[in-house]
Amino acid sequence: MTFLRKVARNPRSAPAAAARPRASANPNPTPIVIRDEPTSAYYDDLVNAAGRRGDFATVRNLLNKRVRDGCFNTGDTFRFLTQTETSLSALDDLLRALSRIDPGFPRKSAFDALIARLCRLGRAEDALRAVETMASGGGVGLNAVTFHPILNLLTRRGDFEEARRVADTMKDRGVPLDLTAHNYFLTAHCFRGDLASAARAMEEIEREGLGADTRTYDALVLGACRAGKVGAAVGLLRRMEEEGVPPLYSTHVHVIKGMVKRGWSEQAGELVRAYGGRDRALDRENYGVLGSELMRLRKAEEARKVVEEMAEKGLIMGEKLREFYRSTSNVGD
């Protein structure tokens, strides 16, 4: 690494099939009455109400109309789908309804939202069924974003074999992996401290000329810290600054925790102060993490100095830090 040297379907039981919400037998959907200034949340409520009663003709019409009204799909659009067998048994009806949505952005955004919802429920196979349905309609709008939730779910689980099969499916359909997709693999390997696999993932990113963004660096910093290479992690943080890549809050957290764990609490304090004053929320996060880590390691005197500095700067403390500050500084609320 330059920086760091077709889906099986389970048959449903007869009782579950009998209990599932039925698609409306009426070819005419429920009349839709929309208030003058609808919002995305308002449309979400209507879609979920229709979905719970099995009225997928109305669901389809709502998904079309909300886009025309400038109300886009959200993470709550398909909230009526839950982990229950009764709820998930309606997926076939829902997929048919989505296949009849107006082509283009309305249909793509609906499928993307459904796939994201299924992945939040941990249903990778059902999400891939949705991809197949989307592709069977000509694959219009099928791109890397469609697959992001699936790759994220599988790599977080550590199911790299299945994630690689999904990546191969993307390529077979003419959908190249973008940097975000590669970052899911890289982050999962780095989280496990598997630098060999992370190196291969990083080499693939470099080979495809995708560069590195904040998520890429965050993963590399995490991997370095997990492997005990805290000095390399600090070097990466400095390199980000040189290249104008803004670190995530979590990137700072990885380094601060790694330094304190290694016994470099003084250097961790210097790092926190070096980045101080640029972003008040970042200061609150960095000082809070440093103080909490010192408390956890029972370095009371060092922790006391940190919380006193936080108080001087007017930074908000968490409950445990506030209690520690009151107990060590003899101050009231």
C-alpha atoms as a PDB file:
ATOM      1  CA  MET A   1       0.000   0.000   0.000  1.00  0.00           C
ATOM      2  CA  THR A   2       1.496   3.313  -1.035  1.00  0.00           C
ATOM      3  CA  PHE A   3       0.232   5.133   2.037  1.00  0.00           C
ATOM      4  CA  LEU A   4       1.278   2.566   4.627  1.00  0.00           C
ATOM      5  CA  ARG A   5       3.998   0.237   3.228  1.00  0.00           C
ATOM      6  CA  LYS A   6     -28.680 -15.165  -8.949  1.00  0.00           C
ATOM      7  CA  VAL A   7     -30.082 -14.939  -5.463  1.00  0.00           C
ATOM      8  CA  ALA A   8     -31.638 -17.886  -3.648  1.00  0.00           C
ATOM      9  CA  ARG A   9     -35.190 -17.289  -2.502  1.00  0.00           C
ATOM     10  CA  ASN A  10     -36.684 -19.104   0.467  1.00  0.00           C
ATOM     11  CA  PRO A  11     -40.191 -20.498  -0.027  1.00  0.00           C
ATOM     12  CA  ARG A  12     -42.748 -18.846   2.172  1.00  0.00           C
ATOM     13  CA  SER A  13     -44.903 -20.926   4.425  1.00  0.00           C
ATOM     14  CA  ALA A  14     -48.623 -21.080   3.703  1.00  0.00           C
ATOM     15  CA  PRO A  15     -49.580 -19.283   6.966  1.00  0.00           C
ATOM     16  CA  ALA A  16     -47.176 -16.405   6.209  1.00  0.00           C
ATOM     17  CA  ALA A  17     -48.451 -16.074   2.651  1.00  0.00           C
ATOM     18  CA  ALA A  18     -52.024 -16.024   3.872  1.00  0.00           C
ATOM     19  CA  ALA A  19     -51.218 -13.318   6.427  1.00  0.00           C
ATOM     20  CA  ARG A  20     -49.388 -10.953   4.098  1.00  0.00           C
ATOM     21  CA  PRO A  21     -50.892  -7.590   3.178  1.00  0.00           C
ATOM     22  CA  ARG A  22     -52.801  -8.109  -0.053  1.00  0.00           C
ATOM     23  CA  ALA A  23     -52.354  -5.815  -3.010  1.00  0.00           C
ATOM     24  CA  SER A  24     -55.537  -3.904  -3.642  1.00  0.00           C
ATOM     25  CA  ALA A  25     -57.930  -5.851  -5.886  1.00  0.00           C
ATOM     26  CA  ASN A  26     -59.371  -2.531  -7.052  1.00  0.00           C
ATOM     27  CA  PRO A  27     -57.539  -1.460 -10.237  1.00  0.00           C
ATOM     28  CA  ASN A  28     -58.242   2.128  -9.270  1.00  0.00           C
ATOM     29  CA  PRO A  29     -55.999   3.301  -6.426  1.00  0.00           C
ATOM     30  CA  THR A  30     -57.294   5.273  -3.487  1.00  0.00           C
ATOM     31  CA  PRO A  31     -57.909   8.880  -4.555  1.00  0.00           C
ATOM     32  CA  ILE A  32     -54.956  11.021  -3.455  1.00  0.00           C
ATOM     33  CA  VAL A  33     -55.709  14.337  -1.817  1.00  0.00           C
ATOM     34  CA  ILE A  34     -52.534  16.307  -1.213  1.00  0.00           C
ATOM     35  CA  ARG A  35     -52.322  19.453   0.875  1.00  0.00           C
ATOM     36  CA  ASP A  36     -51.165  22.695  -0.727  1.00  0.00           C
ATOM     37  CA  GLU A  37     -47.505  22.550   0.385  1.00  0.00           C
ATOM     38  CA  PRO A  38     -46.584  18.891   0.913  1.00  0.00           C
ATOM     39  CA  THR A  39     -43.250  17.859   2.379  1.00  0.00           C
ATOM     40  CA  SER A  40     -41.160  14.721   2.013  1.00  0.00           C
ATOM     41  CA  ALA A  41     -42.193  13.658   5.529  1.00  0.00           C
ATOM     42  CA  TYR A  42     -45.861  14.178   4.624  1.00  0.00           C
ATOM     43  CA  TYR A  43     -45.494  11.945   1.558  1.00  0.00           C
ATOM     44  CA  ASP A  44     -43.620   9.357   3.644  1.00  0.00           C
ATOM     45  CA  ASP A  45     -46.607   9.144   5.985  1.00  0.00           C
ATOM     46  CA  LEU A  46     -48.980   8.621   3.050  1.00  0.00           C
ATOM     47  CA  VAL A  47     -46.754   5.966   1.425  1.00  0.00           C
ATOM     48  CA  ASN A  48     -46.384   4.061   4.699  1.00  0.00           C
ATOM     49  CA  ALA A  49     -50.112   4.175   5.410  1.00  0.00           C
ATOM     50  CA  ALA A  50     -50.857   2.797   1.928  1.00  0.00           C
ATOM     51  CA  GLY A  51     -48.123   0.178   2.256  1.00  0.00           C
ATOM     52  CA  ARG A  52     -49.437  -1.081   5.594  1.00  0.00           C
ATOM     53  CA  ARG A  53     -52.888  -1.659   4.108  1.00  0.00           C
ATOM     54  CA  GLY A  54     -51.433  -3.342   1.014  1.00  0.00           C
ATOM     55  CA  ASP A  55     -52.602  -0.654  -1.401  1.00  0.00           C
ATOM     56  CA  PHE A  56     -49.592  -0.717  -3.712  1.00  0.00           C
ATOM     57  CA  ALA A  57     -51.398   1.019  -6.557  1.00  0.00           C
ATOM     58  CA  THR A  58     -51.619   4.051  -4.287  1.00  0.00           C
ATOM     59  CA  VAL A  59     -48.006   3.576  -3.228  1.00  0.00           C
ATOM     60  CA  ARG A  60     -46.991   3.714  -6.901  1.00  0.00           C
ATOM     61  CA  ASN A  61     -49.025   6.845  -7.561  1.00  0.00           C
ATOM     62  CA  LEU A  62     -47.658   8.570  -4.463  1.00  0.00           C
ATOM     63  CA  LEU A  63     -44.076   7.780  -5.455  1.00  0.00           C
ATOM     64  CA  ASN A  64     -44.729   9.327  -8.861  1.00  0.00           C
ATOM     65  CA  LYS A  65     -46.525  12.397  -7.567  1.00  0.00           C
ATOM     66  CA  ARG A  66     -44.063  13.217  -4.771  1.00  0.00           C
ATOM     67  CA  VAL A  67     -41.255  13.631  -7.302  1.00  0.00           C
ATOM     68  CA  ARG A  68     -43.381  15.948  -9.422  1.00  0.00           C
ATOM     69  CA  ASP A  69     -44.013  17.974  -6.258  1.00  0.00           C
ATOM     70  CA  GLY A  70     -40.290  18.152  -5.494  1.00  0.00           C
ATOM     71  CA  CYS A  71     -40.575  15.875  -2.441  1.00  0.00           C
ATOM     72  CA  PHE A  72     -37.878  13.251  -2.745  1.00  0.00           C
ATOM     73  CA  ASN A  73     -37.669   9.841  -1.110  1.00  0.00           C
ATOM     74  CA  THR A  74     -36.012   9.553   2.297  1.00  0.00           C
ATOM     75  CA  GLY A  75     -34.854   6.880   4.696  1.00  0.00           C
ATOM     76  CA  ASP A  76     -38.428   6.712   6.030  1.00  0.00           C
ATOM     77  CA  THR A  77     -40.196   6.233   2.700  1.00  0.00           C
ATOM     78  CA  PHE A  78     -40.550   2.450   3.108  1.00  0.00           C
ATOM     79  CA  ARG A  79     -40.754   2.337   6.885  1.00  0.00           C
ATOM     80  CA  PHE A  80     -43.802   0.050   6.626  1.00  0.00           C
ATOM     81  CA  LEU A  81     -41.363  -2.728   5.736  1.00  0.00           C
ATOM     82  CA  THR A  82     -40.118  -4.306   8.948  1.00  0.00           C
ATOM     83  CA  GLN A  83     -38.407  -7.534   9.985  1.00  0.00           C
ATOM     84  CA  THR A  84     -41.702  -9.372  10.400  1.00  0.00           C
ATOM     85  CA  GLU A  85     -42.476 -12.157   7.930  1.00  0.00           C
ATOM     86  CA  THR A  86     -45.916 -10.652   7.322  1.00  0.00           C
ATOM     87  CA  SER A  87     -44.391  -7.362   6.277  1.00  0.00           C
ATOM     88  CA  LEU A  88     -41.652  -8.810   4.089  1.00  0.00           C
ATOM     89  CA  SER A  89     -44.074 -11.169   2.346  1.00  0.00           C
ATOM     90  CA  ALA A  90     -45.496  -8.093   0.610  1.00  0.00           C
ATOM     91  CA  LEU A  91     -42.170  -7.399  -1.098  1.00  0.00           C
ATOM     92  CA  ASP A  92     -43.179  -9.055  -4.400  1.00  0.00           C
ATOM     93  CA  ASP A  93     -46.241  -6.810  -4.668  1.00  0.00           C
ATOM     94  CA  LEU A  94     -44.125  -3.772  -3.858  1.00  0.00           C
ATOM     95  CA  LEU A  95     -41.500  -4.653  -6.466  1.00  0.00           C
ATOM     96  CA  ARG A  96     -44.192  -4.989  -9.125  1.00  0.00           C
ATOM     97  CA  ALA A  97     -45.555  -1.586  -8.152  1.00  0.00           C
ATOM     98  CA  LEU A  98     -42.133   0.039  -8.350  1.00  0.00           C
ATOM     99  CA  SER A  99     -41.576  -1.484 -11.795  1.00  0.00           C
ATOM    100  CA  ARG A 100     -44.590   0.494 -13.014  1.00  0.00           C
ATOM    101  CA  ILE A 101     -43.417   3.862 -11.710  1.00  0.00           C
ATOM    102  CA  ASP A 102     -42.612   6.494 -14.306  1.00  0.00           C
ATOM    103  CA  PRO A 103     -39.220   5.687 -15.866  1.00  0.00           C
ATOM    104  CA  GLY A 104     -36.224   7.821 -15.115  1.00  0.00           C
ATOM    105  CA  PHE A 105     -35.591   9.519 -11.791  1.00  0.00           C
ATOM    106  CA  PRO A 106     -38.940   8.592 -10.135  1.00  0.00           C
ATOM    107  CA  ARG A 107     -38.360   4.850 -10.665  1.00  0.00           C
ATOM    108  CA  LYS A 108     -34.633   4.924  -9.879  1.00  0.00           C
ATOM    109  CA  SER A 109     -35.025   6.927  -6.680  1.00  0.00           C
ATOM    110  CA  ALA A 110     -37.800   4.603  -5.488  1.00  0.00           C
ATOM    111  CA  PHE A 111     -35.717   1.478  -6.076  1.00  0.00           C
ATOM    112  CA  ASP A 112     -32.645   3.055  -4.476  1.00  0.00           C
ATOM    113  CA  ALA A 113     -34.685   3.999  -1.407  1.00  0.00           C
ATOM    114  CA  LEU A 114     -36.156   0.495  -1.157  1.00  0.00           C
ATOM    115  CA  ILE A 115     -32.727  -1.147  -1.463  1.00  0.00           C
ATOM    116  CA  ALA A 116     -31.375   1.122   1.271  1.00  0.00           C
ATOM    117  CA  ARG A 117     -34.342   0.227   3.518  1.00  0.00           C
ATOM    118  CA  LEU A 118     -33.860  -3.498   2.995  1.00  0.00           C
ATOM    119  CA  CYS A 119     -30.173  -3.184   3.840  1.00  0.00           C
ATOM    120  CA  ARG A 120     -31.004  -1.314   7.047  1.00  0.00           C
ATOM    121  CA  LEU A 121     -33.112  -4.362   7.909  1.00  0.00           C
ATOM    122  CA  GLY A 122     -30.102  -6.581   7.154  1.00  0.00           C
ATOM    123  CA  ARG A 123     -31.850  -8.148   4.136  1.00  0.00           C
ATOM    124  CA  ALA A 124     -29.038  -8.305   1.578  1.00  0.00           C
ATOM    125  CA  GLU A 125     -30.679 -11.064  -0.481  1.00  0.00           C
ATOM    126  CA  ASP A 126     -33.949  -9.144  -0.719  1.00  0.00           C
ATOM    127  CA  ALA A 127     -32.002  -6.014  -1.689  1.00  0.00           C
ATOM    128  CA  LEU A 128     -30.358  -7.986  -4.505  1.00  0.00           C
ATOM    129  CA  ARG A 129     -33.823  -9.148  -5.620  1.00  0.00           C
ATOM    130  CA  ALA A 130     -34.767  -5.484  -5.882  1.00  0.00           C
ATOM    131  CA  VAL A 131     -31.652  -4.863  -7.986  1.00  0.00           C
ATOM    132  CA  GLU A 132     -32.635  -7.744 -10.305  1.00  0.00           C
ATOM    133  CA  THR A 133     -36.134  -6.307 -10.680  1.00  0.00           C
ATOM    134  CA  MET A 134     -34.695  -2.888 -11.403  1.00  0.00           C
ATOM    135  CA  ALA A 135     -32.311  -4.364 -13.967  1.00  0.00           C
ATOM    136  CA  SER A 136     -35.061  -6.389 -15.663  1.00  0.00           C
ATOM    137  CA  GLY A 137     -36.743  -3.113 -16.562  1.00  0.00           C
ATOM    138  CA  GLY A 138     -33.788  -2.197 -18.728  1.00  0.00           C
ATOM    139  CA  GLY A 139     -31.458  -1.302 -15.878  1.00  0.00           C
ATOM    140  CA  VAL A 140     -32.150   2.395 -16.391  1.00  0.00           C
ATOM    141  CA  GLY A 141     -30.518   4.303 -13.552  1.00  0.00           C
ATOM    142  CA  LEU A 142     -28.597   1.290 -12.264  1.00  0.00           C
ATOM    143  CA  ASN A 143     -25.336   2.737 -10.972  1.00  0.00           C
ATOM    144  CA  ALA A 144     -22.850   2.404  -8.116  1.00  0.00           C
ATOM    145  CA  VAL A 145     -25.126   4.333  -5.742  1.00  0.00           C
ATOM    146  CA  THR A 146     -27.731   1.588  -6.110  1.00  0.00           C
ATOM    147  CA  PHE A 147     -25.241  -0.964  -4.793  1.00  0.00           C
ATOM    148  CA  HIS A 148     -23.676   1.143  -2.021  1.00  0.00           C
ATOM    149  CA  PRO A 149     -26.026  -0.010   0.789  1.00  0.00           C
ATOM    150  CA  ILE A 150     -25.499  -3.660  -0.168  1.00  0.00           C
ATOM    151  CA  LEU A 151     -21.718  -3.418  -0.222  1.00  0.00           C
ATOM    152  CA  ASN A 152     -21.749  -1.474   3.034  1.00  0.00           C
ATOM    153  CA  LEU A 153     -23.871  -4.144   4.731  1.00  0.00           C
ATOM    154  CA  LEU A 154     -21.833  -7.090   3.483  1.00  0.00           C
ATOM    155  CA  THR A 155     -18.403  -5.605   4.214  1.00  0.00           C
ATOM    156  CA  ARG A 156     -19.458  -4.495   7.691  1.00  0.00           C
ATOM    157  CA  ARG A 157     -20.551  -8.082   8.321  1.00  0.00           C
ATOM    158  CA  GLY A 158     -17.174  -9.283   7.093  1.00  0.00           C
ATOM    159  CA  ASP A 159     -18.801 -11.249   4.278  1.00  0.00           C
ATOM    160  CA  PHE A 160     -16.134 -10.271   1.758  1.00  0.00           C
ATOM    161  CA  GLU A 161     -16.768 -13.242  -0.513  1.00  0.00           C
ATOM    162  CA  GLU A 162     -20.372 -12.220  -1.102  1.00  0.00           C
ATOM    163  CA  ALA A 163     -19.393  -8.548  -1.338  1.00  0.00           C
ATOM    164  CA  ARG A 164     -16.877  -9.428  -4.053  1.00  0.00           C
ATOM    165  CA  ARG A 165     -19.587 -11.350  -5.935  1.00  0.00           C
ATOM    166  CA  VAL A 166     -21.758  -8.241  -5.810  1.00  0.00           C
ATOM    167  CA  ALA A 167     -18.842  -6.182  -7.120  1.00  0.00           C
ATOM    168  CA  ASP A 168     -18.424  -8.670  -9.971  1.00  0.00           C
ATOM    169  CA  THR A 169     -22.138  -8.394 -10.734  1.00  0.00           C
ATOM    170  CA  MET A 170     -21.756  -4.630 -10.927  1.00  0.00           C
ATOM    171  CA  LYS A 171     -18.943  -4.952 -13.446  1.00  0.00           C
ATOM    172  CA  ASP A 172     -20.909  -7.502 -15.488  1.00  0.00           C
ATOM    173  CA  ARG A 173     -23.724  -4.965 -15.747  1.00  0.00           C
ATOM    174  CA  GLY A 174     -21.350  -2.212 -16.807  1.00  0.00           C
ATOM    175  CA  VAL A 175     -21.414  -0.492 -13.406  1.00  0.00           C
ATOM    176  CA  PRO A 176     -17.834   0.284 -12.299  1.00  0.00           C
ATOM    177  CA  LEU A 177     -17.011   0.511  -8.618  1.00  0.00           C
ATOM    178  CA  ASP A 178     -16.601   4.125  -7.570  1.00  0.00           C
ATOM    179  CA  LEU A 179     -14.407   5.356  -4.722  1.00  0.00           C
ATOM    180  CA  THR A 180     -17.218   5.003  -2.175  1.00  0.00           C
ATOM    181  CA  ALA A 181     -17.675   1.340  -3.084  1.00  0.00           C
ATOM    182  CA  HIS A 182     -13.936   0.693  -2.770  1.00  0.00           C
ATOM    183  CA  ASN A 183     -13.906   2.541   0.556  1.00  0.00           C
ATOM    184  CA  TYR A 184     -16.393   0.046   2.016  1.00  0.00           C
ATOM    185  CA  PHE A 185     -13.922  -2.771   1.417  1.00  0.00           C
ATOM    186  CA  LEU A 186     -10.973  -0.706   2.639  1.00  0.00           C
ATOM    187  CA  THR A 187     -12.721   0.452   5.819  1.00  0.00           C
ATOM    188  CA  ALA A 188     -13.869  -3.043   6.746  1.00  0.00           C
ATOM    189  CA  HIS A 189     -10.347  -4.454   6.352  1.00  0.00           C
ATOM    190  CA  CYS A 190      -8.840  -1.572   8.323  1.00  0.00           C
ATOM    191  CA  PHE A 191     -11.419  -1.968  11.096  1.00  0.00           C
ATOM    192  CA  ARG A 192     -10.209  -5.528  11.526  1.00  0.00           C
ATOM    193  CA  GLY A 193      -6.590  -4.451  11.447  1.00  0.00           C
ATOM    194  CA  ASP A 194      -5.997  -6.567   8.349  1.00  0.00           C
ATOM    195  CA  LEU A 195      -3.374  -4.398   6.686  1.00  0.00           C
ATOM    196  CA  ALA A 196      -2.523  -6.976   4.024  1.00  0.00           C
ATOM    197  CA  SER A 197      -6.091  -6.969   2.696  1.00  0.00           C
ATOM    198  CA  ALA A 198      -6.276  -3.193   3.160  1.00  0.00           C
ATOM    199  CA  ALA A 199      -3.116  -2.829   1.083  1.00  0.00           C
ATOM    200  CA  ARG A 200      -4.664  -4.823  -1.753  1.00  0.00           C
ATOM    201  CA  ALA A 201      -7.824  -2.711  -1.572  1.00  0.00           C
ATOM    202  CA  MET A 202      -5.754   0.481  -1.654  1.00  0.00           C
ATOM    203  CA  GLU A 203      -3.703  -0.780  -4.586  1.00  0.00           C
ATOM    204  CA  GLU A 204      -6.925  -1.362  -6.530  1.00  0.00           C
ATOM    205  CA  ILE A 205      -8.054   2.197  -5.772  1.00  0.00           C
ATOM    206  CA  GLU A 206      -4.722   3.567  -6.979  1.00  0.00           C
ATOM    207  CA  ARG A 207      -4.688   1.324 -10.046  1.00  0.00           C
ATOM    208  CA  GLU A 208      -8.056   2.707 -11.125  1.00  0.00           C
ATOM    209  CA  GLY A 209      -6.868   6.271 -10.532  1.00  0.00           C
ATOM    210  CA  LEU A 210      -9.653   7.114  -8.092  1.00  0.00           C
ATOM    211  CA  GLY A 211      -7.495   9.119  -5.688  1.00  0.00           C
ATOM    212  CA  ALA A 212      -8.399   9.346  -2.003  1.00  0.00           C
ATOM    213  CA  ASP A 213     -11.128  11.221  -0.158  1.00  0.00           C
ATOM    214  CA  THR A 214     -11.862  11.803   3.521  1.00  0.00           C
ATOM    215  CA  ARG A 215     -13.330   8.297   3.924  1.00  0.00           C
ATOM    216  CA  THR A 216     -10.267   6.712   2.350  1.00  0.00           C
ATOM    217  CA  TYR A 217      -7.929   8.530   4.708  1.00  0.00           C
ATOM    218  CA  ASP A 218     -10.192   7.820   7.677  1.00  0.00           C
ATOM    219  CA  ALA A 219      -9.981   4.107   6.923  1.00  0.00           C
ATOM    220  CA  LEU A 220      -6.200   4.224   6.530  1.00  0.00           C
ATOM    221  CA  VAL A 221      -5.772   6.096   9.802  1.00  0.00           C
ATOM    222  CA  LEU A 222      -8.045   3.599  11.547  1.00  0.00           C
ATOM    223  CA  GLY A 223      -6.098   0.682  10.099  1.00  0.00           C
ATOM    224  CA  ALA A 224      -2.762   2.163  11.157  1.00  0.00           C
ATOM    225  CA  CYS A 225      -4.011   2.706  14.712  1.00  0.00           C
ATOM    226  CA  ARG A 226      -5.522  -0.787  14.905  1.00  0.00           C
ATOM    227  CA  ALA A 227      -2.171  -2.213  13.822  1.00  0.00           C
ATOM    228  CA  GLY A 228      -0.302  -0.145  16.439  1.00  0.00           C
ATOM    229  CA  LYS A 229       1.301   2.122  13.814  1.00  0.00           C
ATOM    230  CA  VAL A 230       0.243   5.369  15.491  1.00  0.00           C
ATOM    231  CA  GLY A 231       3.167   7.330  14.079  1.00  0.00           C
ATOM    232  CA  ALA A 232       2.036   6.458  10.563  1.00  0.00           C
ATOM    233  CA  ALA A 233      -1.504   7.526  11.483  1.00  0.00           C
ATOM    234  CA  VAL A 234      -0.235  10.929  12.631  1.00  0.00           C
ATOM    235  CA  GLY A 235       1.693  11.213   9.380  1.00  0.00           C
ATOM    236  CA  LEU A 236      -1.476  10.522   7.406  1.00  0.00           C
ATOM    237  CA  LEU A 237      -3.334  13.209   9.354  1.00  0.00           C
ATOM    238  CA  ARG A 238      -0.618  15.702   8.469  1.00  0.00           C
ATOM    239  CA  ARG A 239      -0.666  14.593   4.849  1.00  0.00           C
ATOM    240  CA  MET A 240      -4.399  15.267   4.705  1.00  0.00           C
ATOM    241  CA  GLU A 241      -3.790  18.815   5.849  1.00  0.00           C
ATOM    242  CA  GLU A 242      -1.057  19.291   3.259  1.00  0.00           C
ATOM    243  CA  GLU A 243      -3.338  18.042   0.492  1.00  0.00           C
ATOM    244  CA  GLY A 244      -6.325  20.068   1.676  1.00  0.00           C
ATOM    245  CA  VAL A 245      -8.409  17.006   2.527  1.00  0.00           C
ATOM    246  CA  PRO A 246     -10.473  17.843   5.631  1.00  0.00           C
ATOM    247  CA  PRO A 247     -10.324  15.018   8.204  1.00  0.00           C
ATOM    248  CA  LEU A 248     -13.533  13.610   9.632  1.00  0.00           C
ATOM    249  CA  TYR A 249     -14.068  13.987  13.360  1.00  0.00           C
ATOM    250  CA  SER A 250     -13.606  10.223  13.610  1.00  0.00           C
ATOM    251  CA  THR A 251     -10.158  10.503  12.002  1.00  0.00           C
ATOM    252  CA  HIS A 252      -8.991  12.695  14.874  1.00  0.00           C
ATOM    253  CA  VAL A 253     -10.607  10.305  17.350  1.00  0.00           C
ATOM    254  CA  HIS A 254      -8.699   7.316  15.929  1.00  0.00           C
ATOM    255  CA  VAL A 255      -5.394   9.135  16.366  1.00  0.00           C
ATOM    256  CA  ILE A 256      -6.113  10.535  19.843  1.00  0.00           C
ATOM    257  CA  LYS A 257      -7.212   7.154  21.172  1.00  0.00           C
ATOM    258  CA  GLY A 258      -4.239   5.448  19.547  1.00  0.00           C
ATOM    259  CA  MET A 259      -1.766   7.908  21.059  1.00  0.00           C
ATOM    260  CA  VAL A 260      -3.218   7.700  24.562  1.00  0.00           C
ATOM    261  CA  LYS A 261      -3.338   3.906  24.405  1.00  0.00           C
ATOM    262  CA  ARG A 262       0.333   3.883  23.426  1.00  0.00           C
ATOM    263  CA  GLY A 263       1.213   6.132  26.369  1.00  0.00           C
ATOM    264  CA  TRP A 264       1.644   9.287  24.307  1.00  0.00           C
ATOM    265  CA  SER A 265      -0.908  11.345  26.245  1.00  0.00           C
ATOM    266  CA  GLU A 266       1.257  14.475  26.214  1.00  0.00           C
ATOM    267  CA  GLN A 267       1.637  14.273  22.438  1.00  0.00           C
ATOM    268  CA  ALA A 268      -2.098  13.652  22.128  1.00  0.00           C
ATOM    269  CA  GLY A 269      -2.730  16.872  24.048  1.00  0.00           C
ATOM    270  CA  GLU A 270      -0.371  18.730  21.720  1.00  0.00           C
ATOM    271  CA  LEU A 271      -2.225  17.359  18.715  1.00  0.00           C
ATOM    272  CA  VAL A 272      -5.592  18.437  20.111  1.00  0.00           C
ATOM    273  CA  ARG A 273      -4.302  21.946  20.787  1.00  0.00           C
ATOM    274  CA  ALA A 274      -2.670  22.155  17.346  1.00  0.00           C
ATOM    275  CA  TYR A 275      -6.095  21.722  15.751  1.00  0.00           C
ATOM    276  CA  GLY A 276      -7.822  23.886  18.357  1.00  0.00           C
ATOM    277  CA  GLY A 277      -9.731  27.031  17.506  1.00  0.00           C
ATOM    278  CA  ARG A 278     -10.627  26.032  13.940  1.00  0.00           C
ATOM    279  CA  ASP A 279     -13.928  24.308  14.614  1.00  0.00           C
ATOM    280  CA  ARG A 280     -15.638  24.561  17.977  1.00  0.00           C
ATOM    281  CA  ALA A 281     -17.507  21.297  17.500  1.00  0.00           C
ATOM    282  CA  LEU A 282     -14.218  19.572  16.649  1.00  0.00           C
ATOM    283  CA  ASP A 283     -12.617  21.061  19.773  1.00  0.00           C
ATOM    284  CA  ARG A 284     -15.456  19.721  21.890  1.00  0.00           C
ATOM    285  CA  GLU A 285     -15.050  16.278  20.328  1.00  0.00           C
ATOM    286  CA  ASN A 286     -11.246  16.158  20.541  1.00  0.00           C
ATOM    287  CA  TYR A 287     -10.943  17.477  24.087  1.00  0.00           C
ATOM    288  CA  GLY A 288     -13.824  15.268  25.196  1.00  0.00           C
ATOM    289  CA  VAL A 289     -12.240  12.126  23.718  1.00  0.00           C
ATOM    290  CA  LEU A 290      -8.849  12.978  25.207  1.00  0.00           C
ATOM    291  CA  GLY A 291     -10.311  13.607  28.661  1.00  0.00           C
ATOM    292  CA  SER A 292     -12.455  10.475  28.549  1.00  0.00           C
ATOM    293  CA  GLU A 293      -9.545   8.278  27.487  1.00  0.00           C
ATOM    294  CA  LEU A 294      -7.342   9.648  30.261  1.00  0.00           C
ATOM    295  CA  MET A 295     -10.117   9.030  32.788  1.00  0.00           C
ATOM    296  CA  ARG A 296     -10.566   5.487  31.509  1.00  0.00           C
ATOM    297  CA  LEU A 297      -6.855   4.818  32.017  1.00  0.00           C
ATOM    298  CA  ARG A 298      -7.067   6.385  35.520  1.00  0.00           C
ATOM    299  CA  LYS A 299      -4.691   9.209  34.654  1.00  0.00           C
ATOM    300  CA  ALA A 300      -6.569  11.563  36.924  1.00  0.00           C
ATOM    301  CA  GLU A 301      -4.139  14.467  37.017  1.00  0.00           C
ATOM    302  CA  GLU A 302      -3.778  14.617  33.244  1.00  0.00           C
ATOM    303  CA  ALA A 303      -7.530  14.269  32.819  1.00  0.00           C
ATOM    304  CA  ARG A 304      -8.113  17.092  35.324  1.00  0.00           C
ATOM    305  CA  LYS A 305      -5.971  19.469  33.276  1.00  0.00           C
ATOM    306  CA  VAL A 306      -7.914  18.609  30.138  1.00  0.00           C
ATOM    307  CA  VAL A 307     -11.353  19.223  31.673  1.00  0.00           C
ATOM    308  CA  GLU A 308     -10.173  22.455  33.240  1.00  0.00           C
ATOM    309  CA  GLU A 309      -8.984  23.582  29.815  1.00  0.00           C
ATOM    310  CA  MET A 310     -12.373  22.628  28.407  1.00  0.00           C
ATOM    311  CA  ALA A 311     -14.069  24.728  31.092  1.00  0.00           C
ATOM    312  CA  GLU A 312     -11.824  27.691  30.328  1.00  0.00           C
ATOM    313  CA  LYS A 313     -12.703  27.424  26.642  1.00  0.00           C
ATOM    314  CA  GLY A 314     -16.413  27.053  27.412  1.00  0.00           C
ATOM    315  CA  LEU A 315     -16.611  23.663  25.701  1.00  0.00           C
ATOM    316  CA  ILE A 316     -19.606  21.483  26.501  1.00  0.00           C
ATOM    317  CA  MET A 317     -18.726  18.336  28.441  1.00  0.00           C
ATOM    318  CA  GLY A 318     -20.473  14.990  28.575  1.00  0.00           C
ATOM    319  CA  GLU A 319     -22.080  13.885  31.828  1.00  0.00           C
ATOM    320  CA  LYS A 320     -19.095  11.852  33.057  1.00  0.00           C
ATOM    321  CA  LEU A 321     -16.618  14.620  32.262  1.00  0.00           C
ATOM    322  CA  ARG A 322     -18.831  17.199  34.004  1.00  0.00           C
ATOM    323  CA  GLU A 323     -19.025  15.042  37.113  1.00  0.00           C
ATOM    324  CA  PHE A 324     -15.261  14.512  37.049  1.00  0.00           C
ATOM    325  CA  TYR A 325     -14.706  18.258  36.664  1.00  0.00           C
ATOM    326  CA  ARG A 326     -16.982  19.060  39.603  1.00  0.00           C
ATOM    327  CA  SER A 327     -15.337  16.432  41.810  1.00  0.00           C
ATOM    328  CA  THR A 328     -11.758  17.492  41.047  1.00  0.00           C
ATOM    329  CA  SER A 329     -12.185  21.259  40.827  1.00  0.00           C
ATOM    330  CA  ASN A 330     -14.574  21.763  43.739  1.00  0.00           C
ATOM    331  CA  VAL A 331     -17.059  23.727  41.679  1.00  0.00           C
ATOM    332  CA  GLY A 332     -20.836  23.592  41.630  1.00  0.00           C
ATOM    333  CA  ASP A 333     -23.192  23.361  38.688  1.00  0.00           C
END
